[in-house]
Each structure stands twice: as structure tokens, then as C-alpha cells.
Protein backbone atom coordinates (compact mmCIF):
# COMPACT_ATOMS: atom_id res chain seq x y z
CA MET A 1 146.30 111.42 75.09
CA THR A 2 146.77 110.41 79.01
CA ALA A 3 150.16 108.71 79.99
CA ARG A 4 147.75 105.63 80.87
CA ALA A 5 146.15 105.54 77.29
CA HIS A 6 149.89 106.10 75.74
CA GLY A 7 151.04 102.93 77.97
CA ARG A 8 148.08 100.83 76.68
CA ALA A 9 149.07 101.72 73.18
CA ARG A 10 152.46 100.10 73.81
CA ILE A 11 151.73 97.18 75.75
CA GLY A 12 152.75 95.00 73.13
CA ARG A 13 156.33 96.17 73.95
CA LEU A 14 156.06 94.37 77.13
CA ALA A 15 154.89 91.12 76.36
CA ILE A 16 157.01 90.98 73.86
CA ILE A 17 156.13 92.57 76.06
CA VAL A 18 154.56 93.20 76.04
CA PRO A 19 157.84 94.86 72.76
CA VAL A 20 155.23 96.01 77.82
CA VAL A 21 153.76 97.27 75.09
CA VAL A 22 151.14 99.85 77.04
CA SER A 23 146.38 99.43 75.27
CA VAL A 24 136.98 91.43 70.14
CA VAL A 25 136.66 88.32 68.91
CA ALA A 26 133.95 86.31 70.95
CA LEU A 27 135.31 82.68 71.20
CA ALA A 28 132.29 80.44 70.79
CA GLY A 29 133.80 77.99 73.20
CA CYS A 30 137.35 77.57 74.05
CA THR A 31 139.87 76.22 71.68
CA PRO A 32 142.23 74.49 73.96
CA ASN A 33 146.00 75.05 72.77
CA PRO A 34 147.97 72.28 73.98
CA ALA A 35 151.33 73.38 73.65
CA PRO A 36 151.73 75.67 76.90
CA ALA A 37 150.69 72.53 79.02
CA GLU A 38 153.80 70.76 77.31
CA GLN A 39 156.29 73.40 78.30
CA PRO A 40 157.54 73.72 82.06
CA TYR A 41 157.36 77.18 83.58
CA PRO A 42 160.95 78.53 82.98
CA GLU A 43 163.41 79.57 85.61
CA VAL A 44 165.47 82.79 85.20
CA SER A 45 169.15 82.73 84.74
CA TRP A 46 170.89 85.76 85.47
CA PRO A 47 174.35 85.76 83.87
CA ASP A 48 175.52 88.92 84.98
CA GLY A 49 173.69 88.98 88.20
CA GLU A 50 170.16 89.32 89.41
CA PRO A 51 168.54 92.92 89.75
CA SER A 52 170.20 94.99 92.63
CA GLY A 53 169.46 98.03 94.07
CA PRO A 54 167.76 99.74 97.23
CA TYR A 55 164.28 98.75 96.01
CA GLU A 56 164.56 95.01 95.34
CA ALA A 57 163.18 94.20 98.77
CA ASP A 58 160.30 96.02 98.44
CA ALA A 59 157.03 93.95 98.16
CA ALA A 60 155.70 96.03 95.49
CA VAL A 61 158.99 95.46 93.65
CA LYS A 62 158.89 91.80 94.01
CA ALA A 63 155.55 91.39 92.57
CA THR A 64 156.85 93.28 89.68
CA ARG A 65 159.55 91.00 89.06
CA ASP A 66 157.04 87.95 88.98
CA ALA A 67 154.39 89.84 86.69
CA LEU A 68 157.02 90.48 84.34
CA VAL A 69 158.29 86.91 84.00
CA ALA A 70 154.73 85.77 83.90
CA MET A 71 153.70 88.26 81.31
CA ALA A 72 156.77 87.13 79.14
CA VAL A 73 155.63 83.55 79.50
CA ALA A 74 152.01 84.14 78.75
CA ALA A 75 152.80 86.48 75.21
CA ASN A 76 155.46 83.85 74.34
CA ARG A 77 152.95 81.17 74.58
CA ASN A 78 149.88 83.11 73.70
CA ASP A 79 148.32 81.91 76.54
CA PHE A 80 146.52 84.31 78.51
CA ARG A 81 144.95 82.08 81.26
CA LEU A 82 148.37 81.44 82.12
CA PRO A 83 147.93 80.44 86.32
CA GLU A 84 151.26 82.48 86.89
CA LEU A 85 149.78 85.49 84.95
CA VAL A 86 146.18 85.38 86.55
CA ASP A 87 148.37 85.39 90.12
CA THR A 88 150.46 88.23 89.54
CA VAL A 89 148.47 90.58 86.88
CA GLY A 90 145.28 92.36 87.15
CA TYR A 91 142.51 91.58 84.70
CA GLU A 92 142.64 94.49 82.65
CA VAL A 93 146.25 94.29 81.86
CA ARG A 94 145.82 90.61 81.09
CA THR A 95 143.38 91.67 78.68
CA GLU A 96 145.51 94.09 77.24
CA LEU A 97 148.06 91.65 76.28
CA TRP A 98 145.72 89.33 74.86
CA SER A 99 144.27 92.02 72.63
CA ALA A 100 147.71 93.27 71.60
CA ALA A 101 148.35 89.67 70.83
CA GLU A 102 145.30 89.37 68.75
CA GLN A 103 145.97 92.29 66.91
CA ARG A 104 149.25 91.10 65.59
CA LEU A 105 147.93 87.62 64.36
CA GLN A 106 144.96 89.48 62.68
CA ASP A 107 147.54 91.94 60.92
CA GLY A 108 149.16 88.44 59.57
CA GLU A 109 152.45 89.06 61.94
CA ALA A 110 154.17 86.19 63.71
CA THR A 111 154.62 85.81 67.61
CA GLU A 112 157.64 87.51 68.91
CA LEU A 113 159.39 85.76 71.61
CA SER A 114 160.73 87.68 74.73
CA PRO A 115 164.13 85.65 75.72
CA GLY A 116 163.42 86.54 79.44
CA PRO A 117 161.53 88.86 81.52
CA LEU A 118 161.71 92.57 80.40
CA PRO A 119 165.15 94.02 81.69
CA PHE A 120 163.66 96.80 84.26
CA GLU A 121 165.88 98.88 86.16
CA VAL A 122 163.81 100.76 89.27
CA THR A 123 164.31 103.84 90.14
CA SER A 124 161.56 104.93 92.65
CA VAL A 125 158.43 103.26 94.44
CA THR A 126 155.75 105.48 95.80
CA ALA A 127 153.08 104.83 97.67
CA ASP A 128 149.39 105.57 95.70
CA GLY A 129 146.32 105.33 97.40
CA ASP A 130 145.45 101.49 98.19
CA GLY A 131 148.92 100.46 96.33
CA SER A 132 152.04 101.53 94.71
CA ARG A 133 153.70 102.88 91.80
CA VAL A 134 156.89 101.19 90.44
CA ARG A 135 159.02 103.21 88.26
CA GLY A 136 161.91 102.70 86.49
CA CYS A 137 163.55 102.06 83.09
CA ALA A 138 162.99 99.34 80.69
CA PHE A 139 164.19 97.98 77.31
CA ASP A 140 161.98 98.96 74.22
CA ASP A 141 163.31 96.37 72.07
CA TRP A 142 163.64 92.79 73.85
CA THR A 143 161.69 90.34 71.41
CA SER A 144 162.61 88.60 68.10
CA ALA A 145 161.15 85.89 66.02
CA ASP A 146 163.37 83.26 67.69
CA GLY A 147 163.80 84.77 71.19
CA ALA A 148 167.41 84.88 70.41
CA HIS A 149 169.75 86.35 73.36
CA PRO A 150 170.75 89.95 72.44
CA SER A 151 174.42 89.92 72.46
CA THR A 152 175.01 93.65 73.48
CA THR A 153 173.28 96.03 75.83
CA PRO A 154 170.95 98.46 74.16
CA VAL A 155 172.68 101.79 72.97
CA THR A 156 171.23 104.89 74.37
CA GLY A 157 167.72 105.81 73.48
CA SER A 158 166.47 102.20 73.38
CA MET A 159 165.06 102.02 76.68
CA SER A 160 162.26 104.25 78.03
CA GLY A 161 160.42 104.80 81.61
CA ARG A 162 157.83 102.38 82.68
CA GLU A 163 155.47 102.67 85.59
CA PHE A 164 153.73 99.67 87.06
CA ARG A 165 150.84 100.09 89.78
CA VAL A 166 150.69 97.49 92.09
CA VAL A 167 147.71 96.98 94.09
CA ASP A 168 146.51 94.13 96.82
CA VAL A 169 144.27 91.61 95.31
CA ASP A 170 142.42 89.35 98.12
CA GLY A 171 145.76 89.49 99.74
CA ARG A 172 147.90 89.09 96.73
CA LEU A 173 149.90 92.01 95.08
CA LYS A 174 149.40 92.33 91.26
CA VAL A 175 150.51 94.43 88.56
CA ASP A 176 146.90 96.16 87.47
CA ALA A 177 148.20 98.96 85.12
CA VAL A 178 151.08 99.45 82.97
CA ILE A 179 152.45 102.91 81.68
CA VAL A 180 155.06 103.74 79.30
CA ALA A 181 156.77 107.02 80.04
CA PRO A 182 159.23 107.87 77.05
CA GLN A 183 159.84 111.17 78.92
CA ASP A 184 161.91 109.77 81.46
CA ASP A 185 165.68 110.08 81.21
CA CYS A 186 167.10 106.46 80.74
CA SER A 187 170.30 107.26 79.36
CA SER A 188 172.57 106.07 82.46
CA ALA A 189 170.22 102.98 83.25
CA SER A 190 171.53 99.50 82.92
CA PRO A 191 168.96 96.73 83.88
CA ALA A 192 169.96 93.32 84.55
CA ARG A 193 168.82 90.94 82.08
CA GLY A 194 167.68 87.52 82.83
CA PHE A 195 167.06 84.63 80.27
CA PHE A 196 164.50 81.77 80.44
CA SER A 197 165.30 78.29 81.25
CA PRO A 198 164.48 76.45 79.23
CA GLU A 199 164.47 78.94 76.13
CA PRO A 200 161.04 79.42 74.65
CA VAL A 201 159.53 77.94 71.95
CA VAL A 202 157.64 79.37 68.89
CA SER A 203 153.93 79.34 69.52
CA ALA A 204 152.13 77.24 67.26
CA VAL A 205 149.26 79.83 67.63
CA THR A 206 148.27 81.67 64.06
CA ASP A 207 144.66 82.00 64.14
CA PRO A 208 143.39 84.76 66.67
CA ALA A 209 140.42 82.48 67.49
CA ASP A 210 142.87 80.12 69.57
CA LEU A 211 144.32 82.90 71.67
CA GLN A 212 143.79 81.76 75.26
CA LYS A 213 141.40 84.88 76.10
CA PRO A 214 142.12 85.77 79.78
CA LEU A 215 139.08 84.93 82.27
CA THR A 216 138.35 87.51 85.21
CA ASP A 217 139.38 86.26 88.41
CA GLU A 218 136.12 85.43 89.61
CA GLN A 219 135.69 82.94 86.55
CA SER A 220 139.57 82.00 87.25
CA THR A 221 138.91 81.13 90.73
CA ALA A 222 135.27 79.19 89.96
CA ALA A 223 136.78 77.51 86.86
CA PRO A 224 140.67 77.79 86.26
CA SER A 225 140.42 75.09 83.65
CA ALA A 226 137.20 76.14 81.80
CA GLY A 227 137.33 76.01 78.45
């Protein structure tokens, strides 16, 4: 199994990650879910300080941070047409997030909530053709049924490597691939933890058919509110 294939199998960890987590019901028309529209897009507070380090000023890292927020919010709401998600995450990754959510609901599992963006500590940024690879360490278990704030940082072994590939799409940097790298040594990592304000509420979506399936970038541009 390739690293990317393994990553896709875990994408539920991101949203949730996404717990990013890294992988078809045809919708006969779109069933709008009114709940997301009633929730403001959250701010992120960092009680112990924002992420810091030599890579945080890099444009690819900033794009990854924005994508982590959007992925968590979209997964919390089961809304994979969220404009902020479309702006920061490529169609393939958006589809993987939706597929993971669909599978959970088909299995009779409740949507778990992320209290904030997946904690992620950057360890390297490397150029990769027309994009960049942002690599680091992230929490493996960040979600819960009620989105409660973890009281302690994870113990050794509860973090693993993540790699986000960031590319330019029509002048906008987007995450177009997420890879889980369990072989990476994350024993000394201590990612900053951010929390959403307002706190997430439990999604009312329980039927896989009610999930907001992602549109392609072209569809999103032509009809962002199409249903």
C-alpha cells in the first residue's frame, strides 16, 4: 500500500479529522441542511499560544493552517460545500472527507466533533514540482462525541506524521493531498492546540443522503449555492 493510499484510509482522522483520517450514494437533487447556515464560521483561540516555529511564515504553512480549520468545521457540520473548505482544500480531499463521513453514518456511527483545528506541528517544508509538501506531527485522537476540550496533551504514541501537499489553483493555495506517516518520530512533538469559538454543536445529519456532497471547483464557481 502506498503512503498516499494509507493516508486516504485514515482521512477520517483529520476531520475529525478528518480522526485527518487519510481515503457513492448519488443524490437525487441536493437536500439542504439548514443547520450550517445558522452557525457563524468560528474563530480559533490558542490558550497556550499560537503555533510557532521557523516555518510558520511560509505561505504553504499558512495555507495548511487555513485548510485544517476548514476541514474540521466542514466535518463537524457534515457540510462539504462549505465555502471556506472550497477555498482552501482541493476537490479530491473534500471528496475523501465526505466519503469518510458517509461511511460513518452508513455504519450507524454518530458524527464526532473536533474542538478546533487538528493540532499540527510543522517539521519541514519542501518544494515539490508545482507545489510544496508541509510535513509534521499531528494528534491522532482529537475528536469526541461532544467536541470537549482534551484536559491533557497526548501521551507518547498518540501522535503520528502528517504530510499536506499544497498547490496553487488559479492563484489560490490549496491542500490537494493528505498523507498519514505513522513511521515518523513524533515523540518530542508538542503541537499548539486551538479551540473554536463558538464551540461546535452536534450535527443534526444522521442520514447519509443529507450530507452536503462536495461540488467540483468548476461547479462551486458557477453555482456556489446550487442544491
